[in-house]
Amino acid sequence: MITIRVCPANKAHFIRLKAFGNEMLAICDGLGITPVAWGGLVFFGYTKDRNAIIHDVDLLVPNKSIKKVMAVLRKRKIRYHYYHCTHHNKRWHALVVSKGDAQVDLDPIEDYYKGPRSFRKFKTFDFGGFRVKVVGKGSLIKAYRRASEVSKDKPGQHLKRLEALKRTR
């Protein structure tokens, strides 16, 4: 386990994200689902960039588990929205779950991650009590490289994160 002892620039929001992230991990655990984090949170974990702004928590889960999670969310009256779209002739899905200003996105691992699926191979990051499995740095670099090429809304941010990740050991 790798302990991340620093906080991003938006510390107060990050604390709320961690609390809601733990709630979502508990829901997943109750359903036998092991999420794997990726995106901005994991970027922050690898770079420890105190100037980073973490808006949400992105978790990869098996596509077949999303409906199970939605049933629990409905029962607990937790807000969510299921998005799907087509981009570059490929269907993309995401379950966006929110509580207050904290947001956790559940993305189908089959759509977003092409690396090894053995959950024993993922590292675990501990963000001050929020313990989550994370994609490898190489996989995150590939994701940011692709995002910097195809993103319509944040290509510059993705490129900056790609370069920062490449500089880390």
N, C-alpha and C. Protein backbone atom coordinates (compact mmCIF):
# COMPACT_ATOMS: atom_id res chain seq x y z
N MET A 1 0.85 -1.18 0.00
CA MET A 1 0.00 0.00 0.00
C MET A 1 0.89 1.23 0.00
N ILE A 2 0.51 2.21 -0.80
CA ILE A 2 1.26 3.45 -0.89
C ILE A 2 0.42 4.54 -0.22
N THR A 3 0.97 5.17 0.79
CA THR A 3 0.26 6.22 1.52
C THR A 3 0.57 7.56 0.89
N ILE A 4 -0.49 8.29 0.57
CA ILE A 4 -0.35 9.64 0.00
C ILE A 4 -0.61 10.61 1.15
N ARG A 5 0.41 11.33 1.56
CA ARG A 5 0.33 12.17 2.76
C ARG A 5 0.07 13.64 2.48
N VAL A 6 -0.08 14.02 1.22
CA VAL A 6 -0.33 15.42 0.88
C VAL A 6 -1.77 15.56 0.38
N CYS A 7 -2.24 16.81 0.35
CA CYS A 7 -3.58 17.10 -0.14
C CYS A 7 -3.49 17.98 -1.38
N PRO A 8 -4.47 17.87 -2.25
CA PRO A 8 -4.49 18.75 -3.42
C PRO A 8 -4.89 20.17 -3.00
N ALA A 9 -4.88 21.08 -3.96
CA ALA A 9 -5.18 22.49 -3.68
C ALA A 9 -6.58 22.68 -3.09
N ASN A 10 -7.53 21.86 -3.49
CA ASN A 10 -8.91 21.99 -3.00
C ASN A 10 -9.15 21.00 -1.84
N LYS A 11 -8.41 21.20 -0.76
CA LYS A 11 -8.40 20.27 0.37
C LYS A 11 -9.79 20.01 0.95
N ALA A 12 -10.58 21.06 1.18
CA ALA A 12 -11.90 20.88 1.79
C ALA A 12 -12.79 20.00 0.92
N HIS A 13 -12.79 20.25 -0.38
CA HIS A 13 -13.58 19.44 -1.30
C HIS A 13 -13.04 18.01 -1.34
N PHE A 14 -11.73 17.88 -1.31
CA PHE A 14 -11.09 16.57 -1.33
C PHE A 14 -11.52 15.72 -0.13
N ILE A 15 -11.64 16.34 1.02
CA ILE A 15 -12.08 15.63 2.22
C ILE A 15 -13.51 15.09 2.02
N ARG A 16 -14.39 15.90 1.43
CA ARG A 16 -15.76 15.44 1.16
C ARG A 16 -15.76 14.34 0.10
N LEU A 17 -14.89 14.46 -0.91
CA LEU A 17 -14.78 13.41 -1.93
C LEU A 17 -14.35 12.08 -1.32
N LYS A 18 -13.38 12.13 -0.41
CA LYS A 18 -12.91 10.90 0.23
C LYS A 18 -14.03 10.25 1.04
N ALA A 19 -14.80 11.05 1.76
CA ALA A 19 -15.90 10.50 2.56
C ALA A 19 -16.94 9.83 1.67
N PHE A 20 -17.33 10.50 0.58
CA PHE A 20 -18.31 9.91 -0.33
C PHE A 20 -17.69 8.74 -1.09
N GLY A 21 -16.41 8.84 -1.41
CA GLY A 21 -15.72 7.73 -2.06
C GLY A 21 -15.75 6.48 -1.19
N ASN A 22 -15.54 6.65 0.11
CA ASN A 22 -15.61 5.51 1.03
C ASN A 22 -17.01 4.92 1.07
N GLU A 23 -18.02 5.77 1.02
CA GLU A 23 -19.41 5.28 0.99
C GLU A 23 -19.65 4.45 -0.26
N MET A 24 -19.15 4.92 -1.39
CA MET A 24 -19.32 4.18 -2.64
C MET A 24 -18.52 2.88 -2.63
N LEU A 25 -17.32 2.89 -2.05
CA LEU A 25 -16.54 1.66 -1.94
C LEU A 25 -17.28 0.64 -1.07
N ALA A 26 -17.93 1.11 -0.01
CA ALA A 26 -18.69 0.21 0.87
C ALA A 26 -19.87 -0.40 0.13
N ILE A 27 -20.55 0.39 -0.70
CA ILE A 27 -21.66 -0.13 -1.51
C ILE A 27 -21.13 -1.21 -2.45
N CYS A 28 -20.04 -0.90 -3.13
CA CYS A 28 -19.44 -1.87 -4.06
C CYS A 28 -19.00 -3.13 -3.32
N ASP A 29 -18.36 -2.97 -2.18
CA ASP A 29 -17.89 -4.12 -1.41
C ASP A 29 -19.07 -5.01 -1.00
N GLY A 30 -20.18 -4.39 -0.62
CA GLY A 30 -21.37 -5.15 -0.25
C GLY A 30 -21.93 -5.96 -1.40
N LEU A 31 -21.62 -5.54 -2.62
CA LEU A 31 -22.08 -6.24 -3.82
C LEU A 31 -21.01 -7.17 -4.39
N GLY A 32 -19.86 -7.25 -3.73
CA GLY A 32 -18.77 -8.09 -4.22
C GLY A 32 -18.02 -7.49 -5.39
N ILE A 33 -18.03 -6.17 -5.49
CA ILE A 33 -17.37 -5.45 -6.59
C ILE A 33 -16.10 -4.80 -6.06
N THR A 34 -15.00 -4.95 -6.79
CA THR A 34 -13.74 -4.30 -6.43
C THR A 34 -13.44 -3.21 -7.45
N PRO A 35 -13.76 -1.96 -7.13
CA PRO A 35 -13.47 -0.87 -8.08
C PRO A 35 -11.97 -0.57 -8.15
N VAL A 36 -11.57 -0.01 -9.28
CA VAL A 36 -10.19 0.42 -9.49
C VAL A 36 -10.24 1.89 -9.90
N ALA A 37 -9.54 2.73 -9.16
CA ALA A 37 -9.55 4.17 -9.45
C ALA A 37 -8.64 4.49 -10.62
N TRP A 38 -9.01 5.55 -11.33
CA TRP A 38 -8.18 6.08 -12.40
C TRP A 38 -8.51 7.56 -12.50
N GLY A 39 -7.94 8.29 -13.45
CA GLY A 39 -8.26 9.70 -13.62
C GLY A 39 -7.50 10.61 -12.67
N GLY A 40 -8.11 11.76 -12.39
CA GLY A 40 -7.46 12.82 -11.63
C GLY A 40 -6.98 12.42 -10.25
N LEU A 41 -7.76 11.62 -9.54
CA LEU A 41 -7.34 11.18 -8.21
C LEU A 41 -6.04 10.39 -8.28
N VAL A 42 -5.96 9.50 -9.24
CA VAL A 42 -4.76 8.66 -9.37
C VAL A 42 -3.59 9.49 -9.91
N PHE A 43 -3.87 10.43 -10.81
CA PHE A 43 -2.84 11.38 -11.24
C PHE A 43 -2.23 12.05 -10.02
N PHE A 44 -3.09 12.55 -9.13
CA PHE A 44 -2.62 13.20 -7.91
C PHE A 44 -1.80 12.23 -7.06
N GLY A 45 -2.24 11.00 -6.95
CA GLY A 45 -1.50 10.01 -6.16
C GLY A 45 -0.10 9.76 -6.69
N TYR A 46 0.04 9.69 -7.99
CA TYR A 46 1.37 9.45 -8.58
C TYR A 46 2.26 10.69 -8.53
N THR A 47 1.68 11.86 -8.77
CA THR A 47 2.51 13.08 -8.86
C THR A 47 2.64 13.81 -7.53
N LYS A 48 1.67 13.62 -6.66
CA LYS A 48 1.61 14.37 -5.38
C LYS A 48 1.67 15.87 -5.63
N ASP A 49 1.03 16.30 -6.70
CA ASP A 49 1.00 17.71 -7.11
C ASP A 49 0.01 18.47 -6.23
N ARG A 50 0.54 19.24 -5.30
CA ARG A 50 -0.31 20.00 -4.36
C ARG A 50 -1.14 21.08 -5.05
N ASN A 51 -0.81 21.40 -6.29
CA ASN A 51 -1.58 22.39 -7.04
C ASN A 51 -2.74 21.75 -7.82
N ALA A 52 -2.80 20.44 -7.81
CA ALA A 52 -3.87 19.73 -8.54
C ALA A 52 -5.23 20.04 -7.91
N ILE A 53 -6.24 20.05 -8.75
CA ILE A 53 -7.62 20.20 -8.31
C ILE A 53 -8.31 18.88 -8.63
N ILE A 54 -8.83 18.22 -7.60
CA ILE A 54 -9.53 16.95 -7.80
C ILE A 54 -11.03 17.24 -7.73
N HIS A 55 -11.71 17.06 -8.85
CA HIS A 55 -13.14 17.38 -8.95
C HIS A 55 -14.02 16.21 -8.53
N ASP A 56 -13.56 15.00 -8.86
CA ASP A 56 -14.39 13.82 -8.61
C ASP A 56 -13.50 12.60 -8.45
N VAL A 57 -14.13 11.47 -8.17
CA VAL A 57 -13.42 10.20 -8.07
C VAL A 57 -13.92 9.34 -9.23
N ASP A 58 -13.01 8.85 -10.05
CA ASP A 58 -13.36 7.98 -11.17
C ASP A 58 -12.99 6.54 -10.81
N LEU A 59 -13.99 5.66 -10.86
CA LEU A 59 -13.78 4.26 -10.52
C LEU A 59 -14.18 3.37 -11.69
N LEU A 60 -13.34 2.40 -11.99
CA LEU A 60 -13.64 1.40 -13.00
C LEU A 60 -14.28 0.19 -12.33
N VAL A 61 -15.40 -0.26 -12.89
CA VAL A 61 -16.10 -1.45 -12.38
C VAL A 61 -16.57 -2.28 -13.57
N PRO A 62 -16.84 -3.56 -13.37
CA PRO A 62 -17.38 -4.36 -14.48
C PRO A 62 -18.74 -3.80 -14.93
N ASN A 63 -18.97 -3.76 -16.22
CA ASN A 63 -20.21 -3.21 -16.77
C ASN A 63 -21.44 -3.89 -16.17
N LYS A 64 -21.37 -5.21 -15.98
CA LYS A 64 -22.53 -5.95 -15.47
C LYS A 64 -22.88 -5.56 -14.04
N SER A 65 -21.98 -4.89 -13.32
CA SER A 65 -22.25 -4.53 -11.93
C SER A 65 -22.98 -3.19 -11.79
N ILE A 66 -23.01 -2.40 -12.84
CA ILE A 66 -23.58 -1.05 -12.73
C ILE A 66 -25.05 -1.08 -12.35
N LYS A 67 -25.83 -1.98 -12.93
CA LYS A 67 -27.26 -2.05 -12.58
C LYS A 67 -27.45 -2.43 -11.12
N LYS A 68 -26.59 -3.29 -10.59
CA LYS A 68 -26.67 -3.66 -9.18
C LYS A 68 -26.41 -2.45 -8.29
N VAL A 69 -25.41 -1.66 -8.65
CA VAL A 69 -25.10 -0.45 -7.89
C VAL A 69 -26.28 0.53 -7.97
N MET A 70 -26.87 0.67 -9.15
CA MET A 70 -28.01 1.58 -9.30
C MET A 70 -29.17 1.18 -8.38
N ALA A 71 -29.41 -0.11 -8.22
CA ALA A 71 -30.50 -0.58 -7.36
C ALA A 71 -30.24 -0.16 -5.90
N VAL A 72 -29.00 -0.28 -5.45
CA VAL A 72 -28.66 0.13 -4.08
C VAL A 72 -28.81 1.64 -3.93
N LEU A 73 -28.35 2.38 -4.94
CA LEU A 73 -28.46 3.85 -4.89
C LEU A 73 -29.92 4.29 -4.81
N ARG A 74 -30.79 3.65 -5.60
CA ARG A 74 -32.22 3.97 -5.55
C ARG A 74 -32.77 3.72 -4.15
N LYS A 75 -32.43 2.58 -3.59
CA LYS A 75 -32.91 2.20 -2.26
C LYS A 75 -32.46 3.20 -1.20
N ARG A 76 -31.23 3.68 -1.33
CA ARG A 76 -30.67 4.63 -0.35
C ARG A 76 -30.97 6.09 -0.70
N LYS A 77 -31.68 6.29 -1.81
CA LYS A 77 -32.03 7.64 -2.26
C LYS A 77 -30.80 8.53 -2.49
N ILE A 78 -29.79 7.93 -3.12
CA ILE A 78 -28.58 8.67 -3.50
C ILE A 78 -28.73 9.03 -4.97
N ARG A 79 -28.48 10.30 -5.30
CA ARG A 79 -28.65 10.79 -6.67
C ARG A 79 -27.63 10.18 -7.62
N TYR A 80 -28.12 9.82 -8.81
CA TYR A 80 -27.23 9.31 -9.84
C TYR A 80 -27.84 9.58 -11.20
N HIS A 81 -26.99 9.53 -12.22
CA HIS A 81 -27.43 9.63 -13.61
C HIS A 81 -26.58 8.67 -14.44
N TYR A 82 -27.23 7.91 -15.29
CA TYR A 82 -26.51 6.97 -16.16
C TYR A 82 -26.40 7.60 -17.54
N TYR A 83 -25.17 7.85 -17.96
CA TYR A 83 -24.91 8.47 -19.26
C TYR A 83 -24.45 7.42 -20.26
N HIS A 84 -24.84 7.61 -21.49
CA HIS A 84 -24.26 6.81 -22.57
C HIS A 84 -24.24 7.67 -23.82
N CYS A 85 -23.19 7.50 -24.59
CA CYS A 85 -23.04 8.26 -25.82
C CYS A 85 -22.20 7.46 -26.80
N THR A 86 -22.14 7.93 -28.01
CA THR A 86 -21.29 7.33 -29.02
C THR A 86 -20.25 8.36 -29.42
N HIS A 87 -18.99 7.96 -29.41
CA HIS A 87 -17.89 8.84 -29.76
C HIS A 87 -16.88 8.02 -30.56
N HIS A 88 -16.54 8.48 -31.75
CA HIS A 88 -15.62 7.75 -32.63
C HIS A 88 -16.13 6.32 -32.88
N ASN A 89 -17.43 6.20 -33.14
CA ASN A 89 -18.08 4.92 -33.44
C ASN A 89 -17.97 3.91 -32.29
N LYS A 90 -17.82 4.39 -31.09
CA LYS A 90 -17.75 3.52 -29.92
C LYS A 90 -18.74 4.03 -28.88
N ARG A 91 -19.44 3.10 -28.25
CA ARG A 91 -20.39 3.47 -27.19
C ARG A 91 -19.63 3.62 -25.88
N TRP A 92 -19.94 4.68 -25.16
CA TRP A 92 -19.32 4.96 -23.86
C TRP A 92 -20.43 5.08 -22.83
N HIS A 93 -20.17 4.60 -21.63
CA HIS A 93 -21.14 4.65 -20.55
C HIS A 93 -20.47 5.18 -19.29
N ALA A 94 -21.28 5.76 -18.42
CA ALA A 94 -20.78 6.17 -17.09
C ALA A 94 -21.97 6.33 -16.16
N LEU A 95 -21.79 5.90 -14.94
CA LEU A 95 -22.77 6.14 -13.89
C LEU A 95 -22.18 7.23 -13.01
N VAL A 96 -22.83 8.39 -13.00
CA VAL A 96 -22.36 9.53 -12.22
C VAL A 96 -23.21 9.63 -10.97
N VAL A 97 -22.57 9.49 -9.81
CA VAL A 97 -23.26 9.47 -8.53
C VAL A 97 -22.83 10.70 -7.74
N SER A 98 -23.80 11.38 -7.12
CA SER A 98 -23.43 12.59 -6.38
C SER A 98 -24.14 12.69 -5.05
N LYS A 99 -23.44 13.33 -4.13
CA LYS A 99 -23.97 13.63 -2.81
C LYS A 99 -23.41 14.99 -2.44
N GLY A 100 -24.30 15.98 -2.38
CA GLY A 100 -23.81 17.35 -2.20
C GLY A 100 -22.96 17.72 -3.39
N ASP A 101 -21.76 18.25 -3.13
CA ASP A 101 -20.87 18.61 -4.23
C ASP A 101 -19.85 17.52 -4.54
N ALA A 102 -19.98 16.38 -3.87
CA ALA A 102 -19.05 15.26 -4.12
C ALA A 102 -19.61 14.36 -5.22
N GLN A 103 -18.75 13.97 -6.13
CA GLN A 103 -19.17 13.14 -7.26
C GLN A 103 -18.23 11.97 -7.45
N VAL A 104 -18.82 10.79 -7.66
CA VAL A 104 -18.07 9.58 -7.98
C VAL A 104 -18.62 9.05 -9.29
N ASP A 105 -17.74 8.83 -10.26
CA ASP A 105 -18.13 8.26 -11.55
C ASP A 105 -17.75 6.79 -11.58
N LEU A 106 -18.70 5.94 -11.94
CA LEU A 106 -18.41 4.52 -12.13
C LEU A 106 -18.39 4.27 -13.63
N ASP A 107 -17.23 3.93 -14.14
CA ASP A 107 -17.04 3.70 -15.57
C ASP A 107 -16.83 2.21 -15.82
N PRO A 108 -17.45 1.66 -16.87
CA PRO A 108 -17.23 0.24 -17.17
C PRO A 108 -15.77 -0.03 -17.54
N ILE A 109 -15.16 -0.94 -16.81
CA ILE A 109 -13.75 -1.24 -17.05
C ILE A 109 -13.54 -1.74 -18.48
N GLU A 110 -14.55 -2.40 -19.05
CA GLU A 110 -14.42 -2.93 -20.41
C GLU A 110 -14.28 -1.81 -21.45
N ASP A 111 -14.86 -0.63 -21.17
CA ASP A 111 -14.82 0.49 -22.11
C ASP A 111 -13.55 1.32 -21.98
N TYR A 112 -13.00 1.40 -20.78
CA TYR A 112 -11.97 2.39 -20.52
C TYR A 112 -10.58 1.83 -20.23
N TYR A 113 -10.48 0.57 -19.88
CA TYR A 113 -9.19 0.06 -19.44
C TYR A 113 -8.83 -1.19 -20.22
N LYS A 114 -7.65 -1.17 -20.83
CA LYS A 114 -7.22 -2.30 -21.67
C LYS A 114 -6.09 -3.10 -21.04
N GLY A 115 -5.70 -2.78 -19.82
CA GLY A 115 -4.59 -3.47 -19.16
C GLY A 115 -5.03 -4.77 -18.52
N PRO A 116 -4.14 -5.38 -17.72
CA PRO A 116 -4.48 -6.66 -17.05
C PRO A 116 -5.64 -6.47 -16.09
N ARG A 117 -6.52 -7.45 -16.02
CA ARG A 117 -7.71 -7.33 -15.19
C ARG A 117 -7.57 -8.02 -13.84
N SER A 118 -6.44 -8.62 -13.57
CA SER A 118 -6.25 -9.29 -12.29
C SER A 118 -6.16 -8.23 -11.19
N PHE A 119 -7.13 -8.24 -10.29
CA PHE A 119 -7.17 -7.22 -9.25
C PHE A 119 -6.03 -7.36 -8.25
N ARG A 120 -5.36 -8.50 -8.25
CA ARG A 120 -4.20 -8.66 -7.38
C ARG A 120 -3.03 -7.82 -7.88
N LYS A 121 -3.02 -7.45 -9.15
CA LYS A 121 -1.90 -6.72 -9.73
C LYS A 121 -2.00 -5.21 -9.55
N PHE A 122 -3.15 -4.72 -9.12
CA PHE A 122 -3.31 -3.28 -8.93
C PHE A 122 -2.70 -2.85 -7.60
N LYS A 123 -2.04 -1.69 -7.61
CA LYS A 123 -1.53 -1.11 -6.37
C LYS A 123 -2.71 -0.56 -5.57
N THR A 124 -2.48 -0.34 -4.29
CA THR A 124 -3.47 0.32 -3.45
C THR A 124 -2.87 1.62 -2.96
N PHE A 125 -3.62 2.71 -3.13
CA PHE A 125 -3.24 4.01 -2.59
C PHE A 125 -4.11 4.27 -1.37
N ASP A 126 -3.52 4.86 -0.34
CA ASP A 126 -4.25 5.29 0.84
C ASP A 126 -4.18 6.81 0.90
N PHE A 127 -5.30 7.45 0.60
CA PHE A 127 -5.39 8.90 0.65
C PHE A 127 -5.98 9.29 2.01
N GLY A 128 -5.22 9.08 3.07
CA GLY A 128 -5.69 9.47 4.40
C GLY A 128 -7.00 8.80 4.79
N GLY A 129 -7.05 7.48 4.67
CA GLY A 129 -8.25 6.73 5.05
C GLY A 129 -9.12 6.32 3.89
N PHE A 130 -8.91 6.87 2.74
CA PHE A 130 -9.62 6.44 1.53
C PHE A 130 -8.66 5.51 0.79
N ARG A 131 -8.87 4.20 0.99
CA ARG A 131 -7.98 3.19 0.40
C ARG A 131 -8.65 2.59 -0.83
N VAL A 132 -7.95 2.70 -1.95
CA VAL A 132 -8.54 2.25 -3.20
C VAL A 132 -7.46 1.66 -4.11
N LYS A 133 -7.83 0.61 -4.84
CA LYS A 133 -6.94 0.05 -5.85
C LYS A 133 -6.86 1.06 -7.00
N VAL A 134 -5.69 1.14 -7.65
CA VAL A 134 -5.49 2.14 -8.71
C VAL A 134 -4.84 1.50 -9.93
N VAL A 135 -5.10 2.07 -11.10
CA VAL A 135 -4.45 1.61 -12.32
C VAL A 135 -2.97 1.98 -12.24
N GLY A 136 -2.15 1.25 -12.97
CA GLY A 136 -0.72 1.53 -13.02
C GLY A 136 -0.43 2.84 -13.71
N LYS A 137 0.73 3.39 -13.42
CA LYS A 137 1.12 4.67 -14.02
C LYS A 137 1.17 4.58 -15.55
N GLY A 138 1.68 3.48 -16.08
CA GLY A 138 1.73 3.31 -17.53
C GLY A 138 0.35 3.34 -18.16
N SER A 139 -0.62 2.71 -17.53
CA SER A 139 -1.99 2.73 -18.05
C SER A 139 -2.58 4.13 -17.98
N LEU A 140 -2.26 4.85 -16.89
CA LEU A 140 -2.78 6.21 -16.76
C LEU A 140 -2.15 7.13 -17.82
N ILE A 141 -0.87 6.93 -18.09
CA ILE A 141 -0.20 7.70 -19.14
C ILE A 141 -0.89 7.45 -20.49
N LYS A 142 -1.20 6.19 -20.79
CA LYS A 142 -1.89 5.87 -22.05
C LYS A 142 -3.26 6.55 -22.10
N ALA A 143 -3.97 6.54 -20.98
CA ALA A 143 -5.30 7.17 -20.94
C ALA A 143 -5.19 8.67 -21.18
N TYR A 144 -4.23 9.33 -20.54
CA TYR A 144 -4.08 10.78 -20.74
C TYR A 144 -3.57 11.11 -22.14
N ARG A 145 -2.73 10.25 -22.70
CA ARG A 145 -2.27 10.47 -24.08
C ARG A 145 -3.47 10.45 -25.03
N ARG A 146 -4.30 9.42 -24.88
CA ARG A 146 -5.50 9.30 -25.72
C ARG A 146 -6.45 10.46 -25.49
N ALA A 147 -6.67 10.82 -24.24
CA ALA A 147 -7.58 11.92 -23.91
C ALA A 147 -7.07 13.25 -24.49
N SER A 148 -5.77 13.46 -24.46
CA SER A 148 -5.22 14.71 -25.00
C SER A 148 -5.42 14.80 -26.52
N GLU A 149 -5.56 13.64 -27.16
CA GLU A 149 -5.75 13.61 -28.62
C GLU A 149 -7.22 13.77 -29.03
N VAL A 150 -8.13 13.23 -28.23
CA VAL A 150 -9.53 13.20 -28.65
C VAL A 150 -10.46 14.11 -27.85
N SER A 151 -10.01 14.64 -26.73
CA SER A 151 -10.87 15.45 -25.88
C SER A 151 -11.26 16.75 -26.56
N LYS A 152 -12.53 17.07 -26.47
CA LYS A 152 -13.01 18.34 -27.02
C LYS A 152 -13.07 19.42 -25.93
N ASP A 153 -13.20 19.02 -24.67
CA ASP A 153 -13.37 20.00 -23.61
C ASP A 153 -12.11 20.31 -22.80
N LYS A 154 -11.17 19.36 -22.66
CA LYS A 154 -9.99 19.61 -21.81
C LYS A 154 -8.70 19.03 -22.39
N PRO A 155 -8.42 19.20 -23.67
CA PRO A 155 -7.19 18.59 -24.20
C PRO A 155 -5.93 19.15 -23.56
N GLY A 156 -5.91 20.45 -23.23
CA GLY A 156 -4.74 21.06 -22.61
C GLY A 156 -4.47 20.49 -21.23
N GLN A 157 -5.51 20.31 -20.43
CA GLN A 157 -5.36 19.74 -19.09
C GLN A 157 -4.83 18.31 -19.18
N HIS A 158 -5.37 17.54 -20.11
CA HIS A 158 -4.92 16.16 -20.26
C HIS A 158 -3.45 16.11 -20.69
N LEU A 159 -3.05 17.00 -21.57
CA LEU A 159 -1.66 17.04 -22.02
C LEU A 159 -0.72 17.43 -20.88
N LYS A 160 -1.12 18.41 -20.05
CA LYS A 160 -0.30 18.80 -18.89
C LYS A 160 -0.14 17.63 -17.92
N ARG A 161 -1.24 16.93 -17.69
CA ARG A 161 -1.17 15.79 -16.77
C ARG A 161 -0.31 14.67 -17.36
N LEU A 162 -0.41 14.47 -18.65
CA LEU A 162 0.42 13.46 -19.32
C LEU A 162 1.90 13.79 -19.11
N GLU A 163 2.28 15.03 -19.35
CA GLU A 163 3.69 15.44 -19.20
C GLU A 163 4.15 15.32 -17.76
N ALA A 164 3.30 15.70 -16.81
CA ALA A 164 3.65 15.60 -15.39
C ALA A 164 3.85 14.13 -14.98
N LEU A 165 2.98 13.25 -15.46
CA LEU A 165 3.12 11.82 -15.14
C LEU A 165 4.41 11.25 -15.69
N LYS A 166 4.79 11.68 -16.89
CA LYS A 166 6.02 11.18 -17.51
C LYS A 166 7.25 11.59 -16.70
N ARG A 167 7.16 12.72 -15.99
CA ARG A 167 8.30 13.21 -15.20
C ARG A 167 8.43 12.52 -13.85
N THR A 168 7.41 11.80 -13.40
CA THR A 168 7.47 11.16 -12.09
C THR A 168 8.22 9.84 -12.18
N ARG A 169 8.78 9.41 -11.06
CA ARG A 169 9.45 8.11 -11.01
C ARG A 169 8.52 7.04 -10.53
